[in-house]
Amino acid sequence: MKSHTQVMTYPSMSAALLLGEADSKIQRAVRYALLALAGSALITLCTQISLPLFPVPMTLQTFAVFLIGLTYGWRLGGITVALYLLEGALGLPVFSGGKGGMIVFMGPTAGYLVGFLLAATACGWFAERGFDRSYFKLLVALLVGNVLLYAPGLLWLGALIGWDKPVLEYGLYPFIGGDLLKIAMAVLLLPTAWKIVNRLKQ
């Protein structure tokens, strides 16, 4: 019963750490805006840590996307990833390799960019229901997030280069090992962080 109350009181990690119950609407709006900007900057930074594979590079971008969804919740997490995509669409060099502009949304990574938004929102939805407090439930949430990320990515990649090409070998198989490592990192990090936060809030 106690853990349920904690979930309802603090729907996301960012709320537990940064948002006080007595904050005014203006204070909350400013903090949310700063969190969104910081989150989009984190995704940009992680995107530049890249292993060049053809035709889709492997980066820490997905880890940042999942982490933001899980810590921010589905609304702010979705807004943050949408802000990141908007920055890229406006030409800022936030995508892999310092790329930006609408041309990226017509390239082989476009579907994965859409998947980022779906994955962050889904992970945030799960987190607000307490999935980030449990190691097993968080694993399930991240697996769902990965499916939502890869589904549009592979569909777009296949439509772009042709289904006669080895689409899975280009856009999925090379990243399975890295994704499992990222999932393991998140599964170990978040529930442990919640235990620390709950102790501090007692």
N, C-alpha and C. Protein backbone atom coordinates (compact mmCIF):
# COMPACT_ATOMS: atom_id res chain seq x y z
N MET A 1 0.83 -1.20 0.00
CA MET A 1 0.00 0.00 0.00
C MET A 1 0.87 1.25 0.00
N LYS A 2 1.97 1.15 0.71
CA LYS A 2 2.87 2.29 0.78
C LYS A 2 3.49 2.61 -0.57
N SER A 3 3.92 1.56 -1.33
CA SER A 3 4.54 1.79 -2.63
C SER A 3 3.55 2.39 -3.60
N HIS A 4 2.24 1.98 -3.50
CA HIS A 4 1.23 2.56 -4.38
C HIS A 4 1.08 4.05 -4.13
N THR A 5 1.12 4.44 -2.87
CA THR A 5 1.04 5.87 -2.55
C THR A 5 2.21 6.64 -3.12
N GLN A 6 3.39 6.04 -3.09
CA GLN A 6 4.56 6.70 -3.62
C GLN A 6 4.45 6.89 -5.13
N VAL A 7 3.88 5.88 -5.82
CA VAL A 7 3.70 5.99 -7.27
C VAL A 7 2.76 7.13 -7.60
N MET A 8 1.66 7.24 -6.84
CA MET A 8 0.69 8.29 -7.10
C MET A 8 1.26 9.67 -6.75
N THR A 9 2.09 9.73 -5.70
CA THR A 9 2.63 11.01 -5.29
C THR A 9 3.71 11.50 -6.25
N TYR A 10 4.54 10.59 -6.69
CA TYR A 10 5.64 10.94 -7.59
C TYR A 10 5.53 10.11 -8.87
N PRO A 11 4.77 10.60 -9.87
CA PRO A 11 4.56 9.82 -11.10
C PRO A 11 5.81 9.66 -11.94
N SER A 12 6.82 10.49 -11.72
CA SER A 12 8.05 10.36 -12.49
C SER A 12 9.23 10.74 -11.61
N MET A 13 10.42 10.30 -12.03
CA MET A 13 11.62 10.60 -11.27
C MET A 13 11.88 12.10 -11.20
N SER A 14 11.63 12.82 -12.30
CA SER A 14 11.86 14.26 -12.30
C SER A 14 10.95 14.97 -11.31
N ALA A 15 9.71 14.49 -11.19
CA ALA A 15 8.79 15.09 -10.22
C ALA A 15 9.26 14.85 -8.80
N ALA A 16 9.74 13.64 -8.54
CA ALA A 16 10.21 13.31 -7.19
C ALA A 16 11.42 14.14 -6.80
N LEU A 17 12.29 14.41 -7.75
CA LEU A 17 13.54 15.10 -7.45
C LEU A 17 13.43 16.62 -7.51
N LEU A 18 12.62 17.14 -8.43
CA LEU A 18 12.70 18.57 -8.75
C LEU A 18 11.42 19.37 -8.54
N LEU A 19 10.28 18.71 -8.48
CA LEU A 19 9.03 19.46 -8.42
C LEU A 19 8.40 19.36 -7.04
N GLY A 20 8.38 20.46 -6.34
CA GLY A 20 7.77 20.49 -5.02
C GLY A 20 6.27 20.66 -5.11
N GLU A 21 5.56 20.16 -4.11
CA GLU A 21 4.10 20.25 -4.11
C GLU A 21 3.62 21.69 -4.01
N ALA A 22 4.43 22.58 -3.44
CA ALA A 22 4.01 23.96 -3.25
C ALA A 22 4.40 24.86 -4.43
N ASP A 23 5.02 24.30 -5.46
CA ASP A 23 5.43 25.12 -6.60
C ASP A 23 4.22 25.73 -7.30
N SER A 24 4.37 26.96 -7.76
CA SER A 24 3.31 27.60 -8.53
C SER A 24 3.31 27.05 -9.95
N LYS A 25 2.27 27.37 -10.71
CA LYS A 25 2.17 26.91 -12.09
C LYS A 25 3.31 27.48 -12.93
N ILE A 26 3.69 28.72 -12.65
CA ILE A 26 4.78 29.35 -13.41
C ILE A 26 6.10 28.65 -13.11
N GLN A 27 6.34 28.35 -11.83
CA GLN A 27 7.57 27.65 -11.45
C GLN A 27 7.64 26.28 -12.12
N ARG A 28 6.52 25.57 -12.14
CA ARG A 28 6.51 24.26 -12.76
C ARG A 28 6.74 24.37 -14.27
N ALA A 29 6.12 25.36 -14.89
CA ALA A 29 6.28 25.54 -16.34
C ALA A 29 7.73 25.83 -16.69
N VAL A 30 8.37 26.67 -15.88
CA VAL A 30 9.78 27.00 -16.12
C VAL A 30 10.65 25.76 -15.94
N ARG A 31 10.39 25.00 -14.90
CA ARG A 31 11.19 23.80 -14.66
C ARG A 31 10.98 22.77 -15.76
N TYR A 32 9.74 22.60 -16.20
CA TYR A 32 9.47 21.66 -17.29
C TYR A 32 10.19 22.09 -18.56
N ALA A 33 10.18 23.40 -18.84
CA ALA A 33 10.86 23.91 -20.04
C ALA A 33 12.36 23.64 -19.95
N LEU A 34 12.94 23.89 -18.78
CA LEU A 34 14.37 23.64 -18.59
C LEU A 34 14.71 22.15 -18.71
N LEU A 35 13.82 21.31 -18.16
CA LEU A 35 14.03 19.87 -18.26
C LEU A 35 13.96 19.41 -19.71
N ALA A 36 13.01 19.96 -20.47
CA ALA A 36 12.89 19.59 -21.88
C ALA A 36 14.12 20.00 -22.67
N LEU A 37 14.61 21.20 -22.42
CA LEU A 37 15.82 21.66 -23.10
C LEU A 37 17.03 20.81 -22.71
N ALA A 38 17.14 20.51 -21.42
CA ALA A 38 18.26 19.69 -20.97
C ALA A 38 18.17 18.28 -21.55
N GLY A 39 16.95 17.76 -21.63
CA GLY A 39 16.76 16.43 -22.19
C GLY A 39 17.11 16.36 -23.66
N SER A 40 16.70 17.37 -24.43
CA SER A 40 17.03 17.39 -25.85
C SER A 40 18.54 17.54 -26.04
N ALA A 41 19.19 18.28 -25.15
CA ALA A 41 20.65 18.42 -25.22
C ALA A 41 21.33 17.08 -24.91
N LEU A 42 20.78 16.33 -23.95
CA LEU A 42 21.34 15.03 -23.61
C LEU A 42 21.24 14.07 -24.80
N ILE A 43 20.09 14.06 -25.47
CA ILE A 43 19.93 13.20 -26.65
C ILE A 43 20.95 13.59 -27.71
N THR A 44 21.12 14.89 -27.92
CA THR A 44 22.08 15.37 -28.92
C THR A 44 23.49 14.91 -28.58
N LEU A 45 23.86 15.03 -27.32
CA LEU A 45 25.20 14.62 -26.88
C LEU A 45 25.40 13.12 -27.09
N CYS A 46 24.41 12.32 -26.69
CA CYS A 46 24.52 10.88 -26.83
C CYS A 46 24.50 10.45 -28.28
N THR A 47 23.86 11.24 -29.13
CA THR A 47 23.80 10.93 -30.56
C THR A 47 25.18 11.01 -31.19
N GLN A 48 26.02 11.90 -30.70
CA GLN A 48 27.33 12.11 -31.30
C GLN A 48 28.33 11.01 -30.93
N ILE A 49 27.97 10.19 -29.93
CA ILE A 49 28.80 9.05 -29.57
C ILE A 49 28.35 7.90 -30.47
N SER A 50 29.02 7.72 -31.58
CA SER A 50 28.49 6.89 -32.65
C SER A 50 29.49 5.86 -33.15
N LEU A 51 28.95 4.67 -33.49
CA LEU A 51 29.72 3.64 -34.17
C LEU A 51 29.19 3.59 -35.61
N PRO A 52 29.97 3.99 -36.60
CA PRO A 52 29.47 4.11 -37.96
C PRO A 52 29.21 2.76 -38.63
N LEU A 53 27.93 2.40 -38.72
CA LEU A 53 27.50 1.20 -39.43
C LEU A 53 26.60 1.61 -40.59
N PHE A 54 26.60 0.85 -41.66
CA PHE A 54 25.77 1.18 -42.82
C PHE A 54 24.48 0.36 -42.79
N PRO A 55 23.31 0.96 -43.09
CA PRO A 55 23.12 2.38 -43.39
C PRO A 55 22.66 3.18 -42.18
N VAL A 56 22.54 2.53 -41.01
CA VAL A 56 22.07 3.21 -39.80
C VAL A 56 23.14 3.14 -38.73
N PRO A 57 23.68 4.28 -38.26
CA PRO A 57 24.72 4.25 -37.23
C PRO A 57 24.17 3.85 -35.87
N MET A 58 25.01 3.22 -35.05
CA MET A 58 24.62 2.86 -33.69
C MET A 58 25.18 3.89 -32.72
N THR A 59 24.32 4.46 -31.89
CA THR A 59 24.73 5.48 -30.95
C THR A 59 24.13 5.21 -29.58
N LEU A 60 24.46 6.08 -28.60
CA LEU A 60 23.81 6.03 -27.29
C LEU A 60 22.50 6.79 -27.27
N GLN A 61 22.06 7.21 -28.44
CA GLN A 61 20.84 7.99 -28.58
C GLN A 61 19.63 7.27 -27.99
N THR A 62 19.50 5.98 -28.28
CA THR A 62 18.33 5.25 -27.79
C THR A 62 18.33 5.16 -26.27
N PHE A 63 19.51 5.01 -25.66
CA PHE A 63 19.58 4.98 -24.20
C PHE A 63 19.07 6.29 -23.62
N ALA A 64 19.47 7.41 -24.21
CA ALA A 64 19.02 8.72 -23.75
C ALA A 64 17.51 8.86 -23.90
N VAL A 65 16.97 8.39 -25.03
CA VAL A 65 15.53 8.47 -25.27
C VAL A 65 14.76 7.67 -24.23
N PHE A 66 15.19 6.44 -23.96
CA PHE A 66 14.53 5.62 -22.96
C PHE A 66 14.64 6.25 -21.57
N LEU A 67 15.82 6.74 -21.24
CA LEU A 67 16.05 7.33 -19.92
C LEU A 67 15.16 8.55 -19.71
N ILE A 68 15.02 9.37 -20.73
CA ILE A 68 14.17 10.56 -20.62
C ILE A 68 12.72 10.17 -20.45
N GLY A 69 12.25 9.21 -21.22
CA GLY A 69 10.88 8.76 -21.05
C GLY A 69 10.62 8.23 -19.66
N LEU A 70 11.54 7.43 -19.15
CA LEU A 70 11.36 6.80 -17.84
C LEU A 70 11.44 7.80 -16.70
N THR A 71 12.28 8.81 -16.82
CA THR A 71 12.46 9.77 -15.72
C THR A 71 11.50 10.96 -15.82
N TYR A 72 11.08 11.32 -17.04
CA TYR A 72 10.23 12.48 -17.22
C TYR A 72 8.74 12.16 -17.21
N GLY A 73 8.37 10.91 -17.48
CA GLY A 73 6.97 10.59 -17.67
C GLY A 73 6.57 10.76 -19.13
N TRP A 74 5.36 10.29 -19.49
CA TRP A 74 5.02 10.22 -20.91
C TRP A 74 4.79 11.60 -21.52
N ARG A 75 4.23 12.54 -20.77
CA ARG A 75 3.95 13.86 -21.36
C ARG A 75 5.24 14.64 -21.59
N LEU A 76 6.00 14.86 -20.53
CA LEU A 76 7.23 15.63 -20.65
C LEU A 76 8.27 14.87 -21.47
N GLY A 77 8.30 13.56 -21.33
CA GLY A 77 9.22 12.76 -22.14
C GLY A 77 8.91 12.89 -23.62
N GLY A 78 7.62 12.81 -23.97
CA GLY A 78 7.22 12.96 -25.36
C GLY A 78 7.52 14.36 -25.88
N ILE A 79 7.25 15.37 -25.05
CA ILE A 79 7.53 16.75 -25.45
C ILE A 79 9.02 16.95 -25.68
N THR A 80 9.84 16.37 -24.82
CA THR A 80 11.30 16.52 -24.92
C THR A 80 11.82 15.91 -26.22
N VAL A 81 11.38 14.70 -26.54
CA VAL A 81 11.82 14.06 -27.78
C VAL A 81 11.28 14.82 -28.99
N ALA A 82 10.04 15.31 -28.90
CA ALA A 82 9.48 16.10 -29.99
C ALA A 82 10.29 17.38 -30.20
N LEU A 83 10.74 17.99 -29.10
CA LEU A 83 11.58 19.18 -29.19
C LEU A 83 12.89 18.85 -29.89
N TYR A 84 13.48 17.73 -29.54
CA TYR A 84 14.71 17.29 -30.19
C TYR A 84 14.51 17.11 -31.70
N LEU A 85 13.41 16.49 -32.07
CA LEU A 85 13.12 16.29 -33.50
C LEU A 85 12.86 17.62 -34.20
N LEU A 86 12.20 18.53 -33.51
CA LEU A 86 11.95 19.85 -34.09
C LEU A 86 13.26 20.59 -34.30
N GLU A 87 14.15 20.51 -33.34
CA GLU A 87 15.46 21.15 -33.49
C GLU A 87 16.18 20.61 -34.73
N GLY A 88 16.11 19.31 -34.90
CA GLY A 88 16.73 18.71 -36.07
C GLY A 88 16.07 19.14 -37.37
N ALA A 89 14.74 19.18 -37.37
CA ALA A 89 14.00 19.59 -38.57
C ALA A 89 14.31 21.03 -38.95
N LEU A 90 14.59 21.87 -37.96
CA LEU A 90 14.91 23.27 -38.22
C LEU A 90 16.36 23.46 -38.69
N GLY A 91 17.11 22.38 -38.74
CA GLY A 91 18.46 22.46 -39.28
C GLY A 91 19.58 22.44 -38.27
N LEU A 92 19.24 22.36 -36.98
CA LEU A 92 20.30 22.29 -35.97
C LEU A 92 21.01 20.94 -36.08
N PRO A 93 22.31 20.90 -35.86
CA PRO A 93 23.08 19.66 -36.06
C PRO A 93 22.96 18.69 -34.88
N VAL A 94 21.76 18.21 -34.63
CA VAL A 94 21.50 17.38 -33.45
C VAL A 94 21.48 15.89 -33.76
N PHE A 95 21.42 15.53 -35.03
CA PHE A 95 21.35 14.13 -35.40
C PHE A 95 22.74 13.53 -35.56
N SER A 96 22.79 12.23 -35.77
CA SER A 96 24.06 11.52 -35.88
C SER A 96 24.95 12.13 -36.96
N GLY A 97 26.23 12.28 -36.60
CA GLY A 97 27.16 12.88 -37.54
C GLY A 97 27.03 14.38 -37.68
N GLY A 98 26.33 15.03 -36.74
CA GLY A 98 26.15 16.47 -36.81
C GLY A 98 25.20 16.91 -37.91
N LYS A 99 24.30 16.02 -38.32
CA LYS A 99 23.38 16.35 -39.40
C LYS A 99 22.13 17.04 -38.86
N GLY A 100 21.45 17.74 -39.72
CA GLY A 100 20.21 18.40 -39.38
C GLY A 100 19.46 18.76 -40.64
N GLY A 101 18.21 19.18 -40.50
CA GLY A 101 17.42 19.57 -41.65
C GLY A 101 16.41 18.50 -42.04
N MET A 102 15.44 18.89 -42.85
CA MET A 102 14.37 17.99 -43.24
C MET A 102 14.86 16.82 -44.08
N ILE A 103 16.03 16.96 -44.70
CA ILE A 103 16.54 15.87 -45.53
C ILE A 103 16.77 14.60 -44.72
N VAL A 104 17.07 14.77 -43.43
CA VAL A 104 17.28 13.60 -42.57
C VAL A 104 15.99 12.80 -42.44
N PHE A 105 14.85 13.48 -42.49
CA PHE A 105 13.56 12.82 -42.35
C PHE A 105 13.15 12.09 -43.63
N MET A 106 13.98 12.17 -44.64
CA MET A 106 13.75 11.42 -45.87
C MET A 106 14.80 10.35 -46.06
N GLY A 107 15.75 10.23 -45.12
CA GLY A 107 16.83 9.26 -45.21
C GLY A 107 16.52 7.97 -44.49
N PRO A 108 17.49 7.06 -44.39
CA PRO A 108 17.26 5.74 -43.81
C PRO A 108 16.94 5.74 -42.32
N THR A 109 17.27 6.82 -41.60
CA THR A 109 17.03 6.85 -40.15
C THR A 109 15.68 7.48 -39.79
N ALA A 110 14.93 7.94 -40.78
CA ALA A 110 13.70 8.69 -40.50
C ALA A 110 12.71 7.89 -39.67
N GLY A 111 12.53 6.63 -39.98
CA GLY A 111 11.59 5.81 -39.22
C GLY A 111 11.99 5.64 -37.78
N TYR A 112 13.29 5.56 -37.54
CA TYR A 112 13.76 5.43 -36.16
C TYR A 112 13.51 6.72 -35.37
N LEU A 113 13.58 7.85 -36.04
CA LEU A 113 13.30 9.11 -35.36
C LEU A 113 11.86 9.15 -34.88
N VAL A 114 10.94 8.67 -35.71
CA VAL A 114 9.54 8.55 -35.28
C VAL A 114 9.45 7.56 -34.12
N GLY A 115 10.20 6.47 -34.23
CA GLY A 115 10.21 5.48 -33.17
C GLY A 115 10.70 6.01 -31.84
N PHE A 116 11.62 6.98 -31.87
CA PHE A 116 12.09 7.61 -30.63
C PHE A 116 10.93 8.21 -29.86
N LEU A 117 10.06 8.92 -30.58
CA LEU A 117 8.93 9.57 -29.94
C LEU A 117 7.98 8.53 -29.35
N LEU A 118 7.69 7.48 -30.10
CA LEU A 118 6.81 6.41 -29.61
C LEU A 118 7.41 5.72 -28.40
N ALA A 119 8.71 5.42 -28.47
CA ALA A 119 9.37 4.70 -27.38
C ALA A 119 9.42 5.52 -26.11
N ALA A 120 9.77 6.79 -26.21
CA ALA A 120 9.85 7.64 -25.03
C ALA A 120 8.49 7.80 -24.37
N THR A 121 7.47 7.99 -25.19
CA THR A 121 6.11 8.14 -24.66
C THR A 121 5.66 6.86 -23.97
N ALA A 122 5.90 5.72 -24.59
CA ALA A 122 5.50 4.44 -24.01
C ALA A 122 6.25 4.17 -22.71
N CYS A 123 7.56 4.40 -22.70
CA CYS A 123 8.34 4.18 -21.48
C CYS A 123 7.87 5.10 -20.36
N GLY A 124 7.54 6.34 -20.71
CA GLY A 124 7.01 7.27 -19.72
C GLY A 124 5.69 6.81 -19.16
N TRP A 125 4.83 6.26 -20.03
CA TRP A 125 3.52 5.75 -19.60
C TRP A 125 3.72 4.60 -18.62
N PHE A 126 4.61 3.69 -18.95
CA PHE A 126 4.90 2.57 -18.04
C PHE A 126 5.48 3.07 -16.73
N ALA A 127 6.40 4.03 -16.81
CA ALA A 127 7.05 4.53 -15.61
C ALA A 127 6.05 5.17 -14.65
N GLU A 128 5.08 5.90 -15.19
CA GLU A 128 4.08 6.54 -14.34
C GLU A 128 3.17 5.54 -13.66
N ARG A 129 3.22 4.30 -14.08
CA ARG A 129 2.45 3.23 -13.46
C ARG A 129 3.33 2.30 -12.63
N GLY A 130 4.54 2.80 -12.32
CA GLY A 130 5.40 2.09 -11.39
C GLY A 130 6.31 1.04 -11.98
N PHE A 131 6.36 0.93 -13.30
CA PHE A 131 7.20 -0.10 -13.92
C PHE A 131 8.68 0.17 -13.70
N ASP A 132 9.04 1.44 -13.47
CA ASP A 132 10.46 1.76 -13.27
C ASP A 132 10.90 1.51 -11.83
N ARG A 133 9.99 1.02 -10.97
CA ARG A 133 10.36 0.67 -9.60
C ARG A 133 10.75 -0.80 -9.49
N SER A 134 10.40 -1.57 -10.50
CA SER A 134 10.64 -3.02 -10.48
C SER A 134 11.61 -3.40 -11.59
N TYR A 135 12.60 -4.23 -11.26
CA TYR A 135 13.57 -4.64 -12.27
C TYR A 135 12.90 -5.41 -13.41
N PHE A 136 12.02 -6.34 -13.07
CA PHE A 136 11.37 -7.15 -14.11
C PHE A 136 10.40 -6.33 -14.94
N LYS A 137 9.57 -5.52 -14.28
CA LYS A 137 8.61 -4.70 -15.01
C LYS A 137 9.31 -3.69 -15.91
N LEU A 138 10.43 -3.15 -15.43
CA LEU A 138 11.18 -2.21 -16.25
C LEU A 138 11.75 -2.91 -17.48
N LEU A 139 12.20 -4.14 -17.33
CA LEU A 139 12.67 -4.91 -18.47
C LEU A 139 11.57 -5.06 -19.51
N VAL A 140 10.36 -5.37 -19.06
CA VAL A 140 9.22 -5.50 -19.98
C VAL A 140 8.95 -4.18 -20.69
N ALA A 141 8.95 -3.08 -19.93
CA ALA A 141 8.69 -1.76 -20.50
C ALA A 141 9.72 -1.41 -21.58
N LEU A 142 10.97 -1.71 -21.31
CA LEU A 142 12.03 -1.38 -22.27
C LEU A 142 11.97 -2.26 -23.51
N LEU A 143 11.56 -3.51 -23.35
CA LEU A 143 11.39 -4.37 -24.51
C LEU A 143 10.26 -3.85 -25.40
N VAL A 144 9.18 -3.41 -24.78
CA VAL A 144 8.08 -2.81 -25.55
C VAL A 144 8.57 -1.54 -26.24
N GLY A 145 9.34 -0.72 -25.52
CA GLY A 145 9.88 0.50 -26.11
C GLY A 145 10.76 0.20 -27.31
N ASN A 146 11.55 -0.86 -27.23
CA ASN A 146 12.40 -1.23 -28.36
C ASN A 146 11.57 -1.66 -29.57
N VAL A 147 10.50 -2.40 -29.33
CA VAL A 147 9.63 -2.80 -30.43
C VAL A 147 9.03 -1.58 -31.11
N LEU A 148 8.56 -0.62 -30.30
CA LEU A 148 7.97 0.59 -30.86
C LEU A 148 8.99 1.46 -31.59
N LEU A 149 10.25 1.36 -31.20
CA LEU A 149 11.31 2.10 -31.87
C LEU A 149 11.67 1.46 -33.20
N TYR A 150 11.84 0.15 -33.18
CA TYR A 150 12.31 -0.53 -34.38
C TYR A 150 11.22 -0.73 -35.44
N ALA A 151 9.97 -0.87 -35.02
CA ALA A 151 8.91 -1.14 -35.99
C ALA A 151 8.83 -0.07 -37.08
N PRO A 152 8.65 1.21 -36.74
CA PRO A 152 8.63 2.23 -37.81
C PRO A 152 9.98 2.38 -38.50
N GLY A 153 11.06 2.14 -37.74
CA GLY A 153 12.39 2.26 -38.34
C GLY A 153 12.60 1.25 -39.45
N LEU A 154 12.24 0.00 -39.19
CA LEU A 154 12.44 -1.05 -40.18
C LEU A 154 11.45 -0.93 -41.33
N LEU A 155 10.22 -0.53 -41.02
CA LEU A 155 9.23 -0.34 -42.09
C LEU A 155 9.67 0.75 -43.06
N TRP A 156 10.16 1.86 -42.53
CA TRP A 156 10.63 2.94 -43.40
C TRP A 156 11.89 2.52 -44.17
N LEU A 157 12.81 1.86 -43.49
CA LEU A 157 14.05 1.44 -44.13
C LEU A 157 13.76 0.47 -45.28
N GLY A 158 12.86 -0.47 -45.03
CA GLY A 158 12.50 -1.41 -46.07
C GLY A 158 11.84 -0.75 -47.26
N ALA A 159 10.94 0.21 -46.98
CA ALA A 159 10.28 0.92 -48.06
C ALA A 159 11.26 1.77 -48.85
N LEU A 160 12.29 2.27 -48.18
CA LEU A 160 13.24 3.16 -48.83
C LEU A 160 14.25 2.40 -49.69
N ILE A 161 14.82 1.34 -49.17
CA ILE A 161 15.89 0.64 -49.90
C ILE A 161 15.38 -0.58 -50.65
N GLY A 162 14.13 -0.99 -50.36
CA GLY A 162 13.56 -2.15 -51.03
C GLY A 162 13.60 -3.39 -50.15
N TRP A 163 12.49 -4.14 -50.17
CA TRP A 163 12.41 -5.33 -49.31
C TRP A 163 13.20 -6.50 -49.86
N ASP A 164 13.76 -6.33 -51.06
CA ASP A 164 14.64 -7.37 -51.59
C ASP A 164 16.03 -7.29 -50.96
N LYS A 165 16.29 -6.19 -50.25
CA LYS A 165 17.56 -6.02 -49.54
C LYS A 165 17.46 -6.66 -48.15
N PRO A 166 18.58 -6.99 -47.54
CA PRO A 166 18.58 -7.57 -46.18
C PRO A 166 18.29 -6.50 -45.11
N VAL A 167 17.03 -6.10 -45.02
CA VAL A 167 16.65 -4.99 -44.14
C VAL A 167 16.99 -5.27 -42.69
N LEU A 168 16.73 -6.47 -42.21
CA LEU A 168 17.02 -6.80 -40.81
C LEU A 168 18.51 -6.78 -40.54
N GLU A 169 19.30 -7.20 -41.51
CA GLU A 169 20.75 -7.19 -41.34
C GLU A 169 21.30 -5.76 -41.30
N TYR A 170 20.63 -4.86 -41.99
CA TYR A 170 21.04 -3.46 -41.98
C TYR A 170 20.54 -2.72 -40.73
N GLY A 171 19.27 -2.94 -40.39
CA GLY A 171 18.62 -2.07 -39.41
C GLY A 171 18.26 -2.68 -38.08
N LEU A 172 18.58 -3.97 -37.85
CA LEU A 172 18.23 -4.59 -36.58
C LEU A 172 19.36 -5.42 -35.99
N TYR A 173 19.80 -6.42 -36.72
CA TYR A 173 20.76 -7.38 -36.17
C TYR A 173 22.03 -6.73 -35.61
N PRO A 174 22.62 -5.72 -36.27
CA PRO A 174 23.86 -5.15 -35.73
C PRO A 174 23.71 -4.47 -34.38
N PHE A 175 22.45 -4.16 -34.00
CA PHE A 175 22.24 -3.34 -32.80
C PHE A 175 21.70 -4.13 -31.62
N ILE A 176 21.44 -5.44 -31.82
CA ILE A 176 20.83 -6.22 -30.75
C ILE A 176 21.74 -6.26 -29.51
N GLY A 177 23.02 -6.53 -29.71
CA GLY A 177 23.94 -6.60 -28.58
C GLY A 177 24.02 -5.29 -27.82
N GLY A 178 24.14 -4.18 -28.55
CA GLY A 178 24.20 -2.87 -27.92
C GLY A 178 22.92 -2.53 -27.19
N ASP A 179 21.78 -2.89 -27.78
CA ASP A 179 20.49 -2.60 -27.15
C ASP A 179 20.32 -3.40 -25.86
N LEU A 180 20.77 -4.64 -25.86
CA LEU A 180 20.69 -5.44 -24.64
C LEU A 180 21.53 -4.82 -23.52
N LEU A 181 22.69 -4.28 -23.89
CA LEU A 181 23.54 -3.61 -22.91
C LEU A 181 22.86 -2.36 -22.37
N LYS A 182 22.24 -1.58 -23.25
CA LYS A 182 21.54 -0.36 -22.82
C LYS A 182 20.37 -0.70 -21.92
N ILE A 183 19.64 -1.77 -22.26
CA ILE A 183 18.51 -2.20 -21.43
C ILE A 183 19.01 -2.61 -20.05
N ALA A 184 20.11 -3.37 -20.01
CA ALA A 184 20.67 -3.80 -18.73
C ALA A 184 21.08 -2.60 -17.88
N MET A 185 21.67 -1.60 -18.50
CA MET A 185 22.08 -0.40 -17.77
C MET A 185 20.88 0.29 -17.15
N ALA A 186 19.80 0.45 -17.94
CA ALA A 186 18.61 1.13 -17.44
C ALA A 186 17.92 0.32 -16.35
N VAL A 187 17.86 -1.00 -16.53
CA VAL A 187 17.20 -1.86 -15.55
C VAL A 187 17.93 -1.82 -14.22
N LEU A 188 19.24 -1.73 -14.25
CA LEU A 188 20.01 -1.64 -13.01
C LEU A 188 19.93 -0.25 -12.39
N LEU A 189 19.82 0.79 -13.22
CA LEU A 189 19.89 2.16 -12.75
C LEU A 189 18.60 2.65 -12.10
N LEU A 190 17.48 2.52 -12.81
CA LEU A 190 16.26 3.20 -12.37
C LEU A 190 15.66 2.66 -11.07
N PRO A 191 15.40 1.36 -10.94
CA PRO A 191 14.84 0.89 -9.67
C PRO A 191 15.74 1.21 -8.48
N THR A 192 17.05 1.11 -8.69
CA THR A 192 17.99 1.45 -7.62
C THR A 192 17.89 2.92 -7.26
N ALA A 193 17.77 3.78 -8.27
CA ALA A 193 17.62 5.22 -8.03
C ALA A 193 16.34 5.51 -7.24
N TRP A 194 15.26 4.80 -7.57
CA TRP A 194 14.01 5.01 -6.84
C TRP A 194 14.14 4.62 -5.36
N LYS A 195 14.87 3.56 -5.11
CA LYS A 195 15.07 3.16 -3.71
C LYS A 195 15.78 4.27 -2.93
N ILE A 196 16.76 4.90 -3.58
CA ILE A 196 17.49 5.99 -2.93
C ILE A 196 16.58 7.18 -2.72
N VAL A 197 15.79 7.53 -3.74
CA VAL A 197 14.87 8.67 -3.64
C VAL A 197 13.85 8.44 -2.53
N ASN A 198 13.28 7.25 -2.46
CA ASN A 198 12.27 6.96 -1.43
C ASN A 198 12.87 7.07 -0.03
N ARG A 199 14.11 6.68 0.12
CA ARG A 199 14.76 6.81 1.42
C ARG A 199 14.95 8.28 1.77
N LEU A 200 15.32 9.08 0.78
CA LEU A 200 15.53 10.51 1.04
C LEU A 200 14.21 11.22 1.36
N LYS A 201 13.11 10.72 0.80
CA LYS A 201 11.82 11.38 0.99
C LYS A 201 11.15 10.97 2.30
N GLN A 202 11.67 9.92 2.93
CA GLN A 202 11.07 9.47 4.19
C GLN A 202 11.36 10.42 5.34
